[in-house]
C-alpha atoms as a PDB file:
ATOM      1  CA  MET A   1       0.000   0.000   0.000  1.00  0.00           C
ATOM      2  CA  ALA A   2       1.261   3.459  -0.825  1.00  0.00           C
ATOM      3  CA  ALA A   3       2.172   5.507   2.226  1.00  0.00           C
ATOM      4  CA  ILE A   4      -0.147   8.256   0.962  1.00  0.00           C
ATOM      5  CA  THR A   5      -3.025   5.759   1.113  1.00  0.00           C
ATOM      6  CA  LEU A   6      -2.399   5.378   4.833  1.00  0.00           C
ATOM      7  CA  ALA A   7      -2.615   9.160   5.154  1.00  0.00           C
ATOM      8  CA  GLU A   8      -5.938   9.212   3.302  1.00  0.00           C
ATOM      9  CA  LEU A   9      -7.352   6.424   5.469  1.00  0.00           C
ATOM     10  CA  SER A  10      -6.127   8.204   8.600  1.00  0.00           C
ATOM     11  CA  VAL A  11      -7.923  11.395   7.597  1.00  0.00           C
ATOM     12  CA  GLY A  12     -11.146   9.402   7.541  1.00  0.00           C
ATOM     13  CA  VAL A  13     -10.431   8.211  11.061  1.00  0.00           C
ATOM     14  CA  GLU A  14      -9.582  11.682  12.362  1.00  0.00           C
ATOM     15  CA  LEU A  15     -12.716  13.232  10.865  1.00  0.00           C
ATOM     16  CA  SER A  16     -14.924  10.606  12.532  1.00  0.00           C
ATOM     17  CA  LYS A  17     -16.382  10.563  16.026  1.00  0.00           C
ATOM     18  CA  GLY A  18     -17.498   7.986  18.540  1.00  0.00           C
ATOM     19  CA  LYS A  19     -18.124   4.420  17.417  1.00  0.00           C
ATOM     20  CA  THR A  20     -17.455   5.275  13.780  1.00  0.00           C
ATOM     21  CA  LYS A  21     -14.001   6.554  14.682  1.00  0.00           C
ATOM     22  CA  VAL A  22     -13.226   3.432  16.705  1.00  0.00           C
ATOM     23  CA  SER A  23     -14.465   1.206  13.877  1.00  0.00           C
ATOM     24  CA  ARG A  24     -12.479   3.053  11.220  1.00  0.00           C
ATOM     25  CA  GLN A  25      -9.337   3.003  13.347  1.00  0.00           C
ATOM     26  CA  GLY A  26      -9.748  -0.738  13.799  1.00  0.00           C
ATOM     27  CA  LEU A  27     -10.004  -1.207  10.038  1.00  0.00           C
ATOM     28  CA  VAL A  28      -6.904   0.919   9.422  1.00  0.00           C
ATOM     29  CA  ASP A  29      -5.000  -1.045  12.067  1.00  0.00           C
ATOM     30  CA  GLU A  30      -5.990  -4.325  10.373  1.00  0.00           C
ATOM     31  CA  ILE A  31      -4.916  -3.053   6.974  1.00  0.00           C
ATOM     32  CA  VAL A  32      -1.558  -1.813   8.266  1.00  0.00           C
ATOM     33  CA  ALA A  33      -0.945  -5.136  10.004  1.00  0.00           C
ATOM     34  CA  SER A  34      -1.613  -7.122   6.837  1.00  0.00           C
ATOM     35  CA  ILE A  35      -0.364  -4.980   3.942  1.00  0.00           C
ATOM     36  CA  PRO A  36       3.187  -3.611   3.700  1.00  0.00           C
ATOM     37  CA  ILE A  37       3.513   0.177   3.438  1.00  0.00           C
ATOM     38  CA  VAL A  38       5.596   1.238   0.436  1.00  0.00           C
ATOM     39  CA  ASP A  39       7.559   4.456   0.899  1.00  0.00           C
ATOM     40  CA  TYR A  40       7.849   7.169  -1.718  1.00  0.00           C
ATOM     41  CA  ASP A  41      11.361   6.304  -2.838  1.00  0.00           C
ATOM     42  CA  PHE A  42      13.476   6.712  -5.966  1.00  0.00           C
ATOM     43  CA  SER A  43      11.632   4.065  -8.002  1.00  0.00           C
ATOM     44  CA  VAL A  44       8.229   5.461  -7.035  1.00  0.00           C
ATOM     45  CA  ALA A  45       9.431   8.978  -7.912  1.00  0.00           C
ATOM     46  CA  ARG A  46      10.552   7.818 -11.365  1.00  0.00           C
ATOM     47  CA  ALA A  47       7.237   6.057 -12.001  1.00  0.00           C
ATOM     48  CA  HIS A  48       5.428   9.150 -10.714  1.00  0.00           C
ATOM     49  CA  SER A  49       7.258  11.386 -13.171  1.00  0.00           C
ATOM     50  CA  GLN A  50       6.429   9.011 -16.048  1.00  0.00           C
ATOM     51  CA  LEU A  51       2.750   9.040 -15.113  1.00  0.00           C
ATOM     52  CA  LEU A  52       2.737  12.836 -14.771  1.00  0.00           C
ATOM     53  CA  VAL A  53       4.124  13.115 -18.297  1.00  0.00           C
ATOM     54  CA  ALA A  54       1.571  10.609 -19.608  1.00  0.00           C
ATOM     55  CA  VAL A  55      -1.456  12.418 -18.158  1.00  0.00           C
ATOM     56  CA  ARG A  56      -0.175  15.793 -19.328  1.00  0.00           C
ATOM     57  CA  ARG A  57       0.214  14.422 -22.842  1.00  0.00           C
ATOM     58  CA  GLN A  58      -3.282  12.936 -22.618  1.00  0.00           C
ATOM     59  CA  GLY A  59      -4.612  16.315 -21.495  1.00  0.00           C
ATOM     60  CA  ARG A  60      -6.316  14.563 -18.601  1.00  0.00           C
ATOM     61  CA  PRO A  61      -4.810  15.635 -15.263  1.00  0.00           C
ATOM     62  CA  ARG A  62      -5.272  13.460 -12.189  1.00  0.00           C
ATOM     63  CA  GLY A  63      -5.172  14.061  -8.474  1.00  0.00           C
ATOM     64  CA  ALA A  64      -1.699  14.179  -6.951  1.00  0.00           C
ATOM     65  CA  HIS A  65      -2.473  11.439  -4.434  1.00  0.00           C
ATOM     66  CA  ASP A  66      -3.979   9.207  -7.116  1.00  0.00           C
ATOM     67  CA  LEU A  67      -0.829   9.466  -9.209  1.00  0.00           C
ATOM     68  CA  ILE A  68       1.364   8.656  -6.217  1.00  0.00           C
ATOM     69  CA  ILE A  69      -0.789   5.613  -5.496  1.00  0.00           C
ATOM     70  CA  ALA A  70      -0.557   4.546  -9.139  1.00  0.00           C
ATOM     71  CA  ALA A  71       3.203   5.147  -9.217  1.00  0.00           C
ATOM     72  CA  THR A  72       3.645   3.057  -6.077  1.00  0.00           C
ATOM     73  CA  ALA A  73       1.726   0.191  -7.672  1.00  0.00           C
ATOM     74  CA  LEU A  74       3.605   0.527 -10.951  1.00  0.00           C
ATOM     75  CA  SER A  75       7.055   0.602  -9.364  1.00  0.00           C
ATOM     76  CA  SER A  76       6.360  -2.369  -7.102  1.00  0.00           C
ATOM     77  CA  ASN A  77       4.427  -4.516  -9.603  1.00  0.00           C
ATOM     78  CA  ARG A  78       1.224  -4.279  -7.611  1.00  0.00           C
ATOM     79  CA  VAL A  79      -2.405  -3.705  -8.557  1.00  0.00           C
ATOM     80  CA  VAL A  80      -4.455  -0.666  -7.567  1.00  0.00           C
ATOM     81  CA  VAL A  81      -7.701  -1.732  -5.903  1.00  0.00           C
ATOM     82  CA  THR A  82     -10.135   1.166  -6.039  1.00  0.00           C
ATOM     83  CA  ALA A  83     -13.775   2.169  -6.097  1.00  0.00           C
ATOM     84  CA  ASP A  84     -12.910   5.207  -8.254  1.00  0.00           C
ATOM     85  CA  GLN A  85     -13.387   4.121 -11.840  1.00  0.00           C
ATOM     86  CA  THR A  86     -11.981   7.309 -13.345  1.00  0.00           C
ATOM     87  CA  ALA A  87      -8.802   8.184 -11.436  1.00  0.00           C
ATOM     88  CA  PHE A  88      -6.705   5.263 -12.650  1.00  0.00           C
ATOM     89  CA  VAL A  89      -8.026   4.749 -16.198  1.00  0.00           C
ATOM     90  CA  ASN A  90      -5.507   4.924 -19.056  1.00  0.00           C
ATOM     91  CA  LEU A  91      -2.437   5.128 -16.867  1.00  0.00           C
ATOM     92  CA  PRO A  92       0.283   3.265 -18.774  1.00  0.00           C
ATOM     93  CA  GLY A  93       1.396   0.088 -17.062  1.00  0.00           C
ATOM     94  CA  VAL A  94      -0.916   0.501 -14.068  1.00  0.00           C
ATOM     95  CA  ALA A  95      -3.124  -2.505 -13.364  1.00  0.00           C
ATOM     96  CA  THR A  96      -6.400  -1.825 -11.601  1.00  0.00           C
ATOM     97  CA  VAL A  97      -9.205  -3.791 -10.014  1.00  0.00           C
ATOM     98  CA  PHE A  98     -12.428  -1.936  -9.378  1.00  0.00           C
ATOM     99  CA  HIS A  99     -14.131  -2.827  -6.111  1.00  0.00           C
ATOM    100  CA  ARG A 100     -17.217  -1.311  -4.544  1.00  0.00           C
END
């Protein structure tokens, strides 16, 4: 999992209250315990730059976090699992699985 994904999940926890917050924190803890966190390193940065160039050439910009997530998957030969069917479409070399 991209480190930025952990940040996004943690925002959801911090914005929650009461039982929802406890439940979300439990889910994040389970995810972190079972999926390795991939740092933004040299190989991710190179993949990120390639994806930035690709979307600029396509004329279809993407969110910064989405591109970092995609670059992390690309550089580590992983698949992006997402409910967002638009953010990761037509990114060269990025495999995706759409999940609701």
